[in-house]
Amino acid sequence: LEQALKKAVESHQSGLFKDAEALYKQVLE
């Protein structure tokens, strides 16, 4: 979960919104 959240933030900051959204939702599941 920690790695997924970190990767989500990195994707988000890079403008990869689709990837970030999927990872945030994965963490929330």
mmCIF file of all heavy atoms, coordinates in Angstrom:
data_MODEL
# 
_entry.id   MODEL 
# 
loop_
_atom_site.group_PDB 
_atom_site.id 
_atom_site.type_symbol 
_atom_site.label_atom_id 
_atom_site.label_alt_id 
_atom_site.label_comp_id 
_atom_site.label_asym_id 
_atom_site.label_entity_id 
_atom_site.label_seq_id 
_atom_site.pdbx_PDB_ins_code 
_atom_site.Cartn_x 
_atom_site.Cartn_y 
_atom_site.Cartn_z 
_atom_site.occupancy 
_atom_site.B_iso_or_equiv 
_atom_site.pdbx_formal_charge 
_atom_site.auth_seq_id 
_atom_site.auth_comp_id 
_atom_site.auth_asym_id 
_atom_site.auth_atom_id 
_atom_site.pdbx_PDB_model_num 
ATOM 1   N N   . LEU A 1 1  ? 0.827   -1.206 0.000   1.00 0.00 ? 1  LEU A N   1 
ATOM 2   C CA  . LEU A 1 1  ? 0.000   0.000  0.000   1.00 0.00 ? 1  LEU A CA  1 
ATOM 3   C C   . LEU A 1 1  ? 0.863   1.258  0.000   1.00 0.00 ? 1  LEU A C   1 
ATOM 4   O O   . LEU A 1 1  ? 0.571   2.223  -0.712  1.00 0.00 ? 1  LEU A O   1 
ATOM 5   C CB  . LEU A 1 1  ? -0.939  0.007  1.206   1.00 0.00 ? 1  LEU A CB  1 
ATOM 6   C CG  . LEU A 1 1  ? -2.078  -0.998 1.160   1.00 0.00 ? 1  LEU A CG  1 
ATOM 7   C CD1 . LEU A 1 1  ? -2.909  -0.916 2.431   1.00 0.00 ? 1  LEU A CD1 1 
ATOM 8   C CD2 . LEU A 1 1  ? -2.944  -0.786 -0.057  1.00 0.00 ? 1  LEU A CD2 1 
ATOM 9   N N   . GLU A 1 2  ? 1.927   1.225  0.768   1.00 0.00 ? 2  GLU A N   1 
ATOM 10  C CA  . GLU A 1 2  ? 2.839   2.376  0.818   1.00 0.00 ? 2  GLU A CA  1 
ATOM 11  C C   . GLU A 1 2  ? 3.465   2.631  -0.559  1.00 0.00 ? 2  GLU A C   1 
ATOM 12  O O   . GLU A 1 2  ? 3.553   3.770  -1.011  1.00 0.00 ? 2  GLU A O   1 
ATOM 13  C CB  . GLU A 1 2  ? 3.928   2.125  1.861   1.00 0.00 ? 2  GLU A CB  1 
ATOM 14  C CG  . GLU A 1 2  ? 4.852   3.301  2.072   1.00 0.00 ? 2  GLU A CG  1 
ATOM 15  C CD  . GLU A 1 2  ? 5.872   3.032  3.167   1.00 0.00 ? 2  GLU A CD  1 
ATOM 16  O OE1 . GLU A 1 2  ? 5.480   2.590  4.255   1.00 0.00 ? 2  GLU A OE1 1 
ATOM 17  O OE2 . GLU A 1 2  ? 7.071   3.277  2.895   1.00 0.00 ? 2  GLU A OE2 1 
ATOM 18  N N   . GLN A 1 3  ? 3.897   1.569  -1.227  1.00 0.00 ? 3  GLN A N   1 
ATOM 19  C CA  . GLN A 1 3  ? 4.498   1.714  -2.556  1.00 0.00 ? 3  GLN A CA  1 
ATOM 20  C C   . GLN A 1 3  ? 3.465   2.211  -3.567  1.00 0.00 ? 3  GLN A C   1 
ATOM 21  O O   . GLN A 1 3  ? 3.771   3.047  -4.420  1.00 0.00 ? 3  GLN A O   1 
ATOM 22  C CB  . GLN A 1 3  ? 5.077   0.374  -3.025  1.00 0.00 ? 3  GLN A CB  1 
ATOM 23  C CG  . GLN A 1 3  ? 6.305   -0.069 -2.264  1.00 0.00 ? 3  GLN A CG  1 
ATOM 24  C CD  . GLN A 1 3  ? 6.682   -1.512 -2.595  1.00 0.00 ? 3  GLN A CD  1 
ATOM 25  O OE1 . GLN A 1 3  ? 5.826   -2.369 -2.846  1.00 0.00 ? 3  GLN A OE1 1 
ATOM 26  N NE2 . GLN A 1 3  ? 7.983   -1.794 -2.575  1.00 0.00 ? 3  GLN A NE2 1 
ATOM 27  N N   . ALA A 1 4  ? 2.242   1.672  -3.477  1.00 0.00 ? 4  ALA A N   1 
ATOM 28  C CA  . ALA A 1 4  ? 1.178   2.083  -4.402  1.00 0.00 ? 4  ALA A CA  1 
ATOM 29  C C   . ALA A 1 4  ? 0.854   3.559  -4.221  1.00 0.00 ? 4  ALA A C   1 
ATOM 30  O O   . ALA A 1 4  ? 0.683   4.293  -5.203  1.00 0.00 ? 4  ALA A O   1 
ATOM 31  C CB  . ALA A 1 4  ? -0.069  1.226  -4.203  1.00 0.00 ? 4  ALA A CB  1 
ATOM 32  N N   . LEU A 1 5  ? 0.790   4.018  -2.971  1.00 0.00 ? 5  LEU A N   1 
ATOM 33  C CA  . LEU A 1 5  ? 0.497   5.421  -2.718  1.00 0.00 ? 5  LEU A CA  1 
ATOM 34  C C   . LEU A 1 5  ? 1.640   6.306  -3.222  1.00 0.00 ? 5  LEU A C   1 
ATOM 35  O O   . LEU A 1 5  ? 1.401   7.342  -3.859  1.00 0.00 ? 5  LEU A O   1 
ATOM 36  C CB  . LEU A 1 5  ? 0.252   5.659  -1.227  1.00 0.00 ? 5  LEU A CB  1 
ATOM 37  C CG  . LEU A 1 5  ? -0.214  7.062  -0.851  1.00 0.00 ? 5  LEU A CG  1 
ATOM 38  C CD1 . LEU A 1 5  ? -1.494  7.445  -1.584  1.00 0.00 ? 5  LEU A CD1 1 
ATOM 39  C CD2 . LEU A 1 5  ? -0.421  7.148  0.651   1.00 0.00 ? 5  LEU A CD2 1 
ATOM 40  N N   . LYS A 1 6  ? 2.862   5.890  -2.989  1.00 0.00 ? 6  LYS A N   1 
ATOM 41  C CA  . LYS A 1 6  ? 4.020   6.662  -3.472  1.00 0.00 ? 6  LYS A CA  1 
ATOM 42  C C   . LYS A 1 6  ? 4.007   6.743  -5.000  1.00 0.00 ? 6  LYS A C   1 
ATOM 43  O O   . LYS A 1 6  ? 4.219   7.811  -5.578  1.00 0.00 ? 6  LYS A O   1 
ATOM 44  C CB  . LYS A 1 6  ? 5.315   6.016  -2.987  1.00 0.00 ? 6  LYS A CB  1 
ATOM 45  C CG  . LYS A 1 6  ? 6.561   6.771  -3.406  1.00 0.00 ? 6  LYS A CG  1 
ATOM 46  C CD  . LYS A 1 6  ? 7.825   6.120  -2.889  1.00 0.00 ? 6  LYS A CD  1 
ATOM 47  C CE  . LYS A 1 6  ? 9.027   6.909  -3.386  1.00 0.00 ? 6  LYS A CE  1 
ATOM 48  N NZ  . LYS A 1 6  ? 10.284  6.295  -3.102  1.00 0.00 ? 6  LYS A NZ  1 
ATOM 49  N N   . LYS A 1 7  ? 3.726   5.627  -5.650  1.00 0.00 ? 7  LYS A N   1 
ATOM 50  C CA  . LYS A 1 7  ? 3.676   5.603  -7.116  1.00 0.00 ? 7  LYS A CA  1 
ATOM 51  C C   . LYS A 1 7  ? 2.511   6.454  -7.632  1.00 0.00 ? 7  LYS A C   1 
ATOM 52  O O   . LYS A 1 7  ? 2.630   7.130  -8.650  1.00 0.00 ? 7  LYS A O   1 
ATOM 53  C CB  . LYS A 1 7  ? 3.565   4.159  -7.607  1.00 0.00 ? 7  LYS A CB  1 
ATOM 54  C CG  . LYS A 1 7  ? 3.720   4.004  -9.096  1.00 0.00 ? 7  LYS A CG  1 
ATOM 55  C CD  . LYS A 1 7  ? 3.833   2.524  -9.453  1.00 0.00 ? 7  LYS A CD  1 
ATOM 56  C CE  . LYS A 1 7  ? 3.825   2.311  -10.934 1.00 0.00 ? 7  LYS A CE  1 
ATOM 57  N NZ  . LYS A 1 7  ? 5.112   2.402  -11.562 1.00 0.00 ? 7  LYS A NZ  1 
ATOM 58  N N   . ALA A 1 8  ? 1.394   6.440  -6.903  1.00 0.00 ? 8  ALA A N   1 
ATOM 59  C CA  . ALA A 1 8  ? 0.245   7.272  -7.278  1.00 0.00 ? 8  ALA A CA  1 
ATOM 60  C C   . ALA A 1 8  ? 0.617   8.749  -7.234  1.00 0.00 ? 8  ALA A C   1 
ATOM 61  O O   . ALA A 1 8  ? 0.307   9.500  -8.165  1.00 0.00 ? 8  ALA A O   1 
ATOM 62  C CB  . ALA A 1 8  ? -0.931  6.987  -6.349  1.00 0.00 ? 8  ALA A CB  1 
ATOM 63  N N   . VAL A 1 9  ? 1.292   9.152  -6.168  1.00 0.00 ? 9  VAL A N   1 
ATOM 64  C CA  . VAL A 1 9  ? 1.712   10.555 -6.035  1.00 0.00 ? 9  VAL A CA  1 
ATOM 65  C C   . VAL A 1 9  ? 2.681   10.926 -7.159  1.00 0.00 ? 9  VAL A C   1 
ATOM 66  O O   . VAL A 1 9  ? 2.562   11.999 -7.770  1.00 0.00 ? 9  VAL A O   1 
ATOM 67  C CB  . VAL A 1 9  ? 2.327   10.817 -4.644  1.00 0.00 ? 9  VAL A CB  1 
ATOM 68  C CG1 . VAL A 1 9  ? 2.979   12.191 -4.580  1.00 0.00 ? 9  VAL A CG1 1 
ATOM 69  C CG2 . VAL A 1 9  ? 1.268   10.665 -3.555  1.00 0.00 ? 9  VAL A CG2 1 
ATOM 70  N N   . GLU A 1 10 ? 3.620   10.047 -7.451  1.00 0.00 ? 10 GLU A N   1 
ATOM 71  C CA  . GLU A 1 10 ? 4.572   10.314 -8.537  1.00 0.00 ? 10 GLU A CA  1 
ATOM 72  C C   . GLU A 1 10 ? 3.850   10.458 -9.872  1.00 0.00 ? 10 GLU A C   1 
ATOM 73  O O   . GLU A 1 10 ? 4.146   11.368 -10.657 1.00 0.00 ? 10 GLU A O   1 
ATOM 74  C CB  . GLU A 1 10 ? 5.610   9.196  -8.611  1.00 0.00 ? 10 GLU A CB  1 
ATOM 75  C CG  . GLU A 1 10 ? 6.589   9.187  -7.455  1.00 0.00 ? 10 GLU A CG  1 
ATOM 76  C CD  . GLU A 1 10 ? 7.458   7.937  -7.393  1.00 0.00 ? 10 GLU A CD  1 
ATOM 77  O OE1 . GLU A 1 10 ? 7.285   7.020  -8.236  1.00 0.00 ? 10 GLU A OE1 1 
ATOM 78  O OE2 . GLU A 1 10 ? 8.311   7.865  -6.483  1.00 0.00 ? 10 GLU A OE2 1 
ATOM 79  N N   . SER A 1 11 ? 2.906   9.571  -10.134 1.00 0.00 ? 11 SER A N   1 
ATOM 80  C CA  . SER A 1 11 ? 2.122   9.642  -11.375 1.00 0.00 ? 11 SER A CA  1 
ATOM 81  C C   . SER A 1 11 ? 1.312   10.928 -11.422 1.00 0.00 ? 11 SER A C   1 
ATOM 82  O O   . SER A 1 11 ? 1.246   11.602 -12.456 1.00 0.00 ? 11 SER A O   1 
ATOM 83  C CB  . SER A 1 11 ? 1.192   8.426  -11.492 1.00 0.00 ? 11 SER A CB  1 
ATOM 84  O OG  . SER A 1 11 ? 1.940   7.245  -11.613 1.00 0.00 ? 11 SER A OG  1 
ATOM 85  N N   . HIS A 1 12 ? 0.692   11.267 -10.302 1.00 0.00 ? 12 HIS A N   1 
ATOM 86  C CA  . HIS A 1 12 ? -0.112  12.481 -10.196 1.00 0.00 ? 12 HIS A CA  1 
ATOM 87  C C   . HIS A 1 12 ? 0.742   13.711 -10.499 1.00 0.00 ? 12 HIS A C   1 
ATOM 88  O O   . HIS A 1 12 ? 0.368   14.560 -11.313 1.00 0.00 ? 12 HIS A O   1 
ATOM 89  C CB  . HIS A 1 12 ? -0.693  12.548 -8.783  1.00 0.00 ? 12 HIS A CB  1 
ATOM 90  C CG  . HIS A 1 12 ? -1.753  13.565 -8.579  1.00 0.00 ? 12 HIS A CG  1 
ATOM 91  N ND1 . HIS A 1 12 ? -2.558  13.566 -7.479  1.00 0.00 ? 12 HIS A ND1 1 
ATOM 92  C CD2 . HIS A 1 12 ? -2.134  14.655 -9.294  1.00 0.00 ? 12 HIS A CD2 1 
ATOM 93  C CE1 . HIS A 1 12 ? -3.387  14.585 -7.539  1.00 0.00 ? 12 HIS A CE1 1 
ATOM 94  N NE2 . HIS A 1 12 ? -3.144  15.261 -8.635  1.00 0.00 ? 12 HIS A NE2 1 
ATOM 95  N N   . GLN A 1 13 ? 1.900   13.785 -9.874  1.00 0.00 ? 13 GLN A N   1 
ATOM 96  C CA  . GLN A 1 13 ? 2.790   14.928 -10.084 1.00 0.00 ? 13 GLN A CA  1 
ATOM 97  C C   . GLN A 1 13 ? 3.320   14.996 -11.508 1.00 0.00 ? 13 GLN A C   1 
ATOM 98  O O   . GLN A 1 13 ? 3.668   16.074 -11.994 1.00 0.00 ? 13 GLN A O   1 
ATOM 99  C CB  . GLN A 1 13 ? 3.948   14.879 -9.087  1.00 0.00 ? 13 GLN A CB  1 
ATOM 100 C CG  . GLN A 1 13 ? 3.498   15.135 -7.662  1.00 0.00 ? 13 GLN A CG  1 
ATOM 101 C CD  . GLN A 1 13 ? 4.594   14.921 -6.636  1.00 0.00 ? 13 GLN A CD  1 
ATOM 102 O OE1 . GLN A 1 13 ? 5.575   14.212 -6.871  1.00 0.00 ? 13 GLN A OE1 1 
ATOM 103 N NE2 . GLN A 1 13 ? 4.428   15.512 -5.466  1.00 0.00 ? 13 GLN A NE2 1 
ATOM 104 N N   . SER A 1 14 ? 3.379   13.853 -12.180 1.00 0.00 ? 14 SER A N   1 
ATOM 105 C CA  . SER A 1 14 ? 3.863   13.808 -13.561 1.00 0.00 ? 14 SER A CA  1 
ATOM 106 C C   . SER A 1 14 ? 2.744   14.042 -14.571 1.00 0.00 ? 14 SER A C   1 
ATOM 107 O O   . SER A 1 14 ? 2.975   13.993 -15.774 1.00 0.00 ? 14 SER A O   1 
ATOM 108 C CB  . SER A 1 14 ? 4.514   12.445 -13.839 1.00 0.00 ? 14 SER A CB  1 
ATOM 109 O OG  . SER A 1 14 ? 5.645   12.275 -13.026 1.00 0.00 ? 14 SER A OG  1 
ATOM 110 N N   . GLY A 1 15 ? 1.525   14.247 -14.074 1.00 0.00 ? 15 GLY A N   1 
ATOM 111 C CA  . GLY A 1 15 ? 0.396   14.481 -14.971 1.00 0.00 ? 15 GLY A CA  1 
ATOM 112 C C   . GLY A 1 15 ? -0.219  13.216 -15.535 1.00 0.00 ? 15 GLY A C   1 
ATOM 113 O O   . GLY A 1 15 ? -1.045  13.281 -16.451 1.00 0.00 ? 15 GLY A O   1 
ATOM 114 N N   . LEU A 1 16 ? 0.158   12.073 -14.999 1.00 0.00 ? 16 LEU A N   1 
ATOM 115 C CA  . LEU A 1 16 ? -0.404  10.794 -15.447 1.00 0.00 ? 16 LEU A CA  1 
ATOM 116 C C   . LEU A 1 16 ? -1.642  10.495 -14.597 1.00 0.00 ? 16 LEU A C   1 
ATOM 117 O O   . LEU A 1 16 ? -1.660  9.594  -13.752 1.00 0.00 ? 16 LEU A O   1 
ATOM 118 C CB  . LEU A 1 16 ? 0.644   9.682  -15.321 1.00 0.00 ? 16 LEU A CB  1 
ATOM 119 C CG  . LEU A 1 16 ? 1.937   9.919  -16.101 1.00 0.00 ? 16 LEU A CG  1 
ATOM 120 C CD1 . LEU A 1 16 ? 2.992   8.879  -15.740 1.00 0.00 ? 16 LEU A CD1 1 
ATOM 121 C CD2 . LEU A 1 16 ? 1.659   9.915  -17.600 1.00 0.00 ? 16 LEU A CD2 1 
ATOM 122 N N   . PHE A 1 17 ? -2.690  11.273 -14.838 1.00 0.00 ? 17 PHE A N   1 
ATOM 123 C CA  . PHE A 1 17 ? -3.870  11.243 -13.979 1.00 0.00 ? 17 PHE A CA  1 
ATOM 124 C C   . PHE A 1 17 ? -4.575  9.893  -13.969 1.00 0.00 ? 17 PHE A C   1 
ATOM 125 O O   . PHE A 1 17 ? -5.044  9.444  -12.924 1.00 0.00 ? 17 PHE A O   1 
ATOM 126 C CB  . PHE A 1 17 ? -4.850  12.344 -14.377 1.00 0.00 ? 17 PHE A CB  1 
ATOM 127 C CG  . PHE A 1 17 ? -4.386  13.733 -14.052 1.00 0.00 ? 17 PHE A CG  1 
ATOM 128 C CD1 . PHE A 1 17 ? -5.093  14.828 -14.495 1.00 0.00 ? 17 PHE A CD1 1 
ATOM 129 C CD2 . PHE A 1 17 ? -3.240  13.970 -13.295 1.00 0.00 ? 17 PHE A CD2 1 
ATOM 130 C CE1 . PHE A 1 17 ? -4.686  16.125 -14.192 1.00 0.00 ? 17 PHE A CE1 1 
ATOM 131 C CE2 . PHE A 1 17 ? -2.822  15.258 -12.983 1.00 0.00 ? 17 PHE A CE2 1 
ATOM 132 C CZ  . PHE A 1 17 ? -3.553  16.338 -13.440 1.00 0.00 ? 17 PHE A CZ  1 
ATOM 133 N N   . LYS A 1 18 ? -4.657  9.238  -15.113 1.00 0.00 ? 18 LYS A N   1 
ATOM 134 C CA  . LYS A 1 18 ? -5.338  7.944  -15.185 1.00 0.00 ? 18 LYS A CA  1 
ATOM 135 C C   . LYS A 1 18 ? -4.626  6.906  -14.305 1.00 0.00 ? 18 LYS A C   1 
ATOM 136 O O   . LYS A 1 18 ? -5.264  6.170  -13.554 1.00 0.00 ? 18 LYS A O   1 
ATOM 137 C CB  . LYS A 1 18 ? -5.375  7.466  -16.637 1.00 0.00 ? 18 LYS A CB  1 
ATOM 138 C CG  . LYS A 1 18 ? -6.612  6.717  -17.029 1.00 0.00 ? 18 LYS A CG  1 
ATOM 139 C CD  . LYS A 1 18 ? -6.566  6.350  -18.491 1.00 0.00 ? 18 LYS A CD  1 
ATOM 140 C CE  . LYS A 1 18 ? -7.796  6.918  -19.149 1.00 0.00 ? 18 LYS A CE  1 
ATOM 141 N NZ  . LYS A 1 18 ? -7.980  6.418  -20.505 1.00 0.00 ? 18 LYS A NZ  1 
ATOM 142 N N   . ASP A 1 19 ? -3.302  6.877  -14.404 1.00 0.00 ? 19 ASP A N   1 
ATOM 143 C CA  . ASP A 1 19 ? -2.509  5.950  -13.586 1.00 0.00 ? 19 ASP A CA  1 
ATOM 144 C C   . ASP A 1 19 ? -2.640  6.278  -12.103 1.00 0.00 ? 19 ASP A C   1 
ATOM 145 O O   . ASP A 1 19 ? -2.826  5.390  -11.268 1.00 0.00 ? 19 ASP A O   1 
ATOM 146 C CB  . ASP A 1 19 ? -1.034  5.994  -13.984 1.00 0.00 ? 19 ASP A CB  1 
ATOM 147 C CG  . ASP A 1 19 ? -0.768  5.478  -15.389 1.00 0.00 ? 19 ASP A CG  1 
ATOM 148 O OD1 . ASP A 1 19 ? -1.633  4.783  -15.954 1.00 0.00 ? 19 ASP A OD1 1 
ATOM 149 O OD2 . ASP A 1 19 ? 0.313   5.780  -15.921 1.00 0.00 ? 19 ASP A OD2 1 
ATOM 150 N N   . ALA A 1 20 ? -2.544  7.556  -11.781 1.00 0.00 ? 20 ALA A N   1 
ATOM 151 C CA  . ALA A 1 20 ? -2.641  7.989  -10.385 1.00 0.00 ? 20 ALA A CA  1 
ATOM 152 C C   . ALA A 1 20 ? -4.005  7.628  -9.808  1.00 0.00 ? 20 ALA A C   1 
ATOM 153 O O   . ALA A 1 20 ? -4.099  7.097  -8.698  1.00 0.00 ? 20 ALA A O   1 
ATOM 154 C CB  . ALA A 1 20 ? -2.403  9.486  -10.284 1.00 0.00 ? 20 ALA A CB  1 
ATOM 155 N N   . GLU A 1 21 ? -5.051  7.892  -10.567 1.00 0.00 ? 21 GLU A N   1 
ATOM 156 C CA  . GLU A 1 21 ? -6.412  7.594  -10.102 1.00 0.00 ? 21 GLU A CA  1 
ATOM 157 C C   . GLU A 1 21 ? -6.579  6.104  -9.821  1.00 0.00 ? 21 GLU A C   1 
ATOM 158 O O   . GLU A 1 21 ? -7.118  5.712  -8.786  1.00 0.00 ? 21 GLU A O   1 
ATOM 159 C CB  . GLU A 1 21 ? -7.437  8.062  -11.127 1.00 0.00 ? 21 GLU A CB  1 
ATOM 160 C CG  . GLU A 1 21 ? -8.869  7.844  -10.691 1.00 0.00 ? 21 GLU A CG  1 
ATOM 161 C CD  . GLU A 1 21 ? -9.869  8.426  -11.672 1.00 0.00 ? 21 GLU A CD  1 
ATOM 162 O OE1 . GLU A 1 21 ? -9.498  8.749  -12.828 1.00 0.00 ? 21 GLU A OE1 1 
ATOM 163 O OE2 . GLU A 1 21 ? -11.030 8.564  -11.273 1.00 0.00 ? 21 GLU A OE2 1 
ATOM 164 N N   . ALA A 1 22 ? -6.092  5.276  -10.728 1.00 0.00 ? 22 ALA A N   1 
ATOM 165 C CA  . ALA A 1 22 ? -6.197  3.820  -10.541 1.00 0.00 ? 22 ALA A CA  1 
ATOM 166 C C   . ALA A 1 22 ? -5.456  3.380  -9.276  1.00 0.00 ? 22 ALA A C   1 
ATOM 167 O O   . ALA A 1 22 ? -5.949  2.538  -8.512  1.00 0.00 ? 22 ALA A O   1 
ATOM 168 C CB  . ALA A 1 22 ? -5.651  3.089  -11.765 1.00 0.00 ? 22 ALA A CB  1 
ATOM 169 N N   . LEU A 1 23 ? -4.296  3.950  -9.046  1.00 0.00 ? 23 LEU A N   1 
ATOM 170 C CA  . LEU A 1 23 ? -3.508  3.586  -7.859  1.00 0.00 ? 23 LEU A CA  1 
ATOM 171 C C   . LEU A 1 23 ? -4.153  4.102  -6.573  1.00 0.00 ? 23 LEU A C   1 
ATOM 172 O O   . LEU A 1 23 ? -4.186  3.386  -5.562  1.00 0.00 ? 23 LEU A O   1 
ATOM 173 C CB  . LEU A 1 23 ? -2.077  4.092  -7.994  1.00 0.00 ? 23 LEU A CB  1 
ATOM 174 C CG  . LEU A 1 23 ? -1.225  3.304  -9.000  1.00 0.00 ? 23 LEU A CG  1 
ATOM 175 C CD1 . LEU A 1 23 ? 0.005   4.102  -9.389  1.00 0.00 ? 23 LEU A CD1 1 
ATOM 176 C CD2 . LEU A 1 23 ? -0.848  1.949  -8.424  1.00 0.00 ? 23 LEU A CD2 1 
ATOM 177 N N   . TYR A 1 24 ? -4.679  5.329  -6.576  1.00 0.00 ? 24 TYR A N   1 
ATOM 178 C CA  . TYR A 1 24 ? -5.379  5.833  -5.388  1.00 0.00 ? 24 TYR A CA  1 
ATOM 179 C C   . TYR A 1 24 ? -6.563  4.922  -5.059  1.00 0.00 ? 24 TYR A C   1 
ATOM 180 O O   . TYR A 1 24 ? -6.793  4.579  -3.899  1.00 0.00 ? 24 TYR A O   1 
ATOM 181 C CB  . TYR A 1 24 ? -5.892  7.267  -5.599  1.00 0.00 ? 24 TYR A CB  1 
ATOM 182 C CG  . TYR A 1 24 ? -4.833  8.338  -5.641  1.00 0.00 ? 24 TYR A CG  1 
ATOM 183 C CD1 . TYR A 1 24 ? -4.892  9.365  -6.566  1.00 0.00 ? 24 TYR A CD1 1 
ATOM 184 C CD2 . TYR A 1 24 ? -3.774  8.351  -4.730  1.00 0.00 ? 24 TYR A CD2 1 
ATOM 185 C CE1 . TYR A 1 24 ? -3.945  10.378 -6.610  1.00 0.00 ? 24 TYR A CE1 1 
ATOM 186 C CE2 . TYR A 1 24 ? -2.810  9.348  -4.768  1.00 0.00 ? 24 TYR A CE2 1 
ATOM 187 C CZ  . TYR A 1 24 ? -2.898  10.357 -5.713  1.00 0.00 ? 24 TYR A CZ  1 
ATOM 188 O OH  . TYR A 1 24 ? -1.944  11.356 -5.743  1.00 0.00 ? 24 TYR A OH  1 
ATOM 189 N N   . LYS A 1 25 ? -7.296  4.530  -6.086  1.00 0.00 ? 25 LYS A N   1 
ATOM 190 C CA  . LYS A 1 25 ? -8.459  3.657  -5.870  1.00 0.00 ? 25 LYS A CA  1 
ATOM 191 C C   . LYS A 1 25 ? -8.034  2.280  -5.373  1.00 0.00 ? 25 LYS A C   1 
ATOM 192 O O   . LYS A 1 25 ? -8.725  1.674  -4.553  1.00 0.00 ? 25 LYS A O   1 
ATOM 193 C CB  . LYS A 1 25 ? -9.289  3.553  -7.148  1.00 0.00 ? 25 LYS A CB  1 
ATOM 194 C CG  . LYS A 1 25 ? -10.046 4.837  -7.433  1.00 0.00 ? 25 LYS A CG  1 
ATOM 195 C CD  . LYS A 1 25 ? -10.878 4.749  -8.690  1.00 0.00 ? 25 LYS A CD  1 
ATOM 196 C CE  . LYS A 1 25 ? -11.672 6.028  -8.894  1.00 0.00 ? 25 LYS A CE  1 
ATOM 197 N NZ  . LYS A 1 25 ? -12.501 5.992  -10.105 1.00 0.00 ? 25 LYS A NZ  1 
ATOM 198 N N   . GLN A 1 26 ? -6.895  1.795  -5.845  1.00 0.00 ? 26 GLN A N   1 
ATOM 199 C CA  . GLN A 1 26 ? -6.363  0.514  -5.380  1.00 0.00 ? 26 GLN A CA  1 
ATOM 200 C C   . GLN A 1 26 ? -6.049  0.595  -3.881  1.00 0.00 ? 26 GLN A C   1 
ATOM 201 O O   . GLN A 1 26 ? -6.382  -0.315 -3.123  1.00 0.00 ? 26 GLN A O   1 
ATOM 202 C CB  . GLN A 1 26 ? -5.097  0.164  -6.172  1.00 0.00 ? 26 GLN A CB  1 
ATOM 203 C CG  . GLN A 1 26 ? -4.436  -1.126 -5.761  1.00 0.00 ? 26 GLN A CG  1 
ATOM 204 C CD  . GLN A 1 26 ? -3.136  -1.364 -6.540  1.00 0.00 ? 26 GLN A CD  1 
ATOM 205 O OE1 . GLN A 1 26 ? -2.966  -0.888 -7.654  1.00 0.00 ? 26 GLN A OE1 1 
ATOM 206 N NE2 . GLN A 1 26 ? -2.225  -2.092 -5.942  1.00 0.00 ? 26 GLN A NE2 1 
ATOM 207 N N   . VAL A 1 27 ? -5.437  1.677  -3.476  1.00 0.00 ? 27 VAL A N   1 
ATOM 208 C CA  . VAL A 1 27 ? -5.139  1.881  -2.047  1.00 0.00 ? 27 VAL A CA  1 
ATOM 209 C C   . VAL A 1 27 ? -6.442  1.927  -1.253  1.00 0.00 ? 27 VAL A C   1 
ATOM 210 O O   . VAL A 1 27 ? -6.563  1.287  -0.199  1.00 0.00 ? 27 VAL A O   1 
ATOM 211 C CB  . VAL A 1 27 ? -4.311  3.167  -1.827  1.00 0.00 ? 27 VAL A CB  1 
ATOM 212 C CG1 . VAL A 1 27 ? -4.202  3.505  -0.351  1.00 0.00 ? 27 VAL A CG1 1 
ATOM 213 C CG2 . VAL A 1 27 ? -2.927  3.026  -2.451  1.00 0.00 ? 27 VAL A CG2 1 
ATOM 214 N N   . LEU A 1 28 ? -7.437  2.646  -1.764  1.00 0.00 ? 28 LEU A N   1 
ATOM 215 C CA  . LEU A 1 28 ? -8.697  2.792  -1.045  1.00 0.00 ? 28 LEU A CA  1 
ATOM 216 C C   . LEU A 1 28 ? -9.507  1.502  -0.987  1.00 0.00 ? 28 LEU A C   1 
ATOM 217 O O   . LEU A 1 28 ? -10.270 1.296  -0.044  1.00 0.00 ? 28 LEU A O   1 
ATOM 218 C CB  . LEU A 1 28 ? -9.525  3.930  -1.653  1.00 0.00 ? 28 LEU A CB  1 
ATOM 219 C CG  . LEU A 1 28 ? -8.935  5.309  -1.400  1.00 0.00 ? 28 LEU A CG  1 
ATOM 220 C CD1 . LEU A 1 28 ? -9.648  6.362  -2.234  1.00 0.00 ? 28 LEU A CD1 1 
ATOM 221 C CD2 . LEU A 1 28 ? -8.985  5.661  0.081   1.00 0.00 ? 28 LEU A CD2 1 
ATOM 222 N N   . GLU A 1 29 ? -9.335  0.627  -1.971  1.00 0.00 ? 29 GLU A N   1 
ATOM 223 C CA  . GLU A 1 29 ? -10.000 -0.686 -1.903  1.00 0.00 ? 29 GLU A CA  1 
ATOM 224 C C   . GLU A 1 29 ? -9.478  -1.475 -0.713  1.00 0.00 ? 29 GLU A C   1 
ATOM 225 O O   . GLU A 1 29 ? -10.244 -2.149 -0.022  1.00 0.00 ? 29 GLU A O   1 
ATOM 226 C CB  . GLU A 1 29 ? -9.761  -1.474 -3.194  1.00 0.00 ? 29 GLU A CB  1 
ATOM 227 C CG  . GLU A 1 29 ? -10.615 -1.040 -4.352  1.00 0.00 ? 29 GLU A CG  1 
ATOM 228 C CD  . GLU A 1 29 ? -10.298 -1.811 -5.626  1.00 0.00 ? 29 GLU A CD  1 
ATOM 229 O OE1 . GLU A 1 29 ? -9.794  -2.950 -5.542  1.00 0.00 ? 29 GLU A OE1 1 
ATOM 230 O OE2 . GLU A 1 29 ? -10.561 -1.257 -6.705  1.00 0.00 ? 29 GLU A OE2 1 
# 
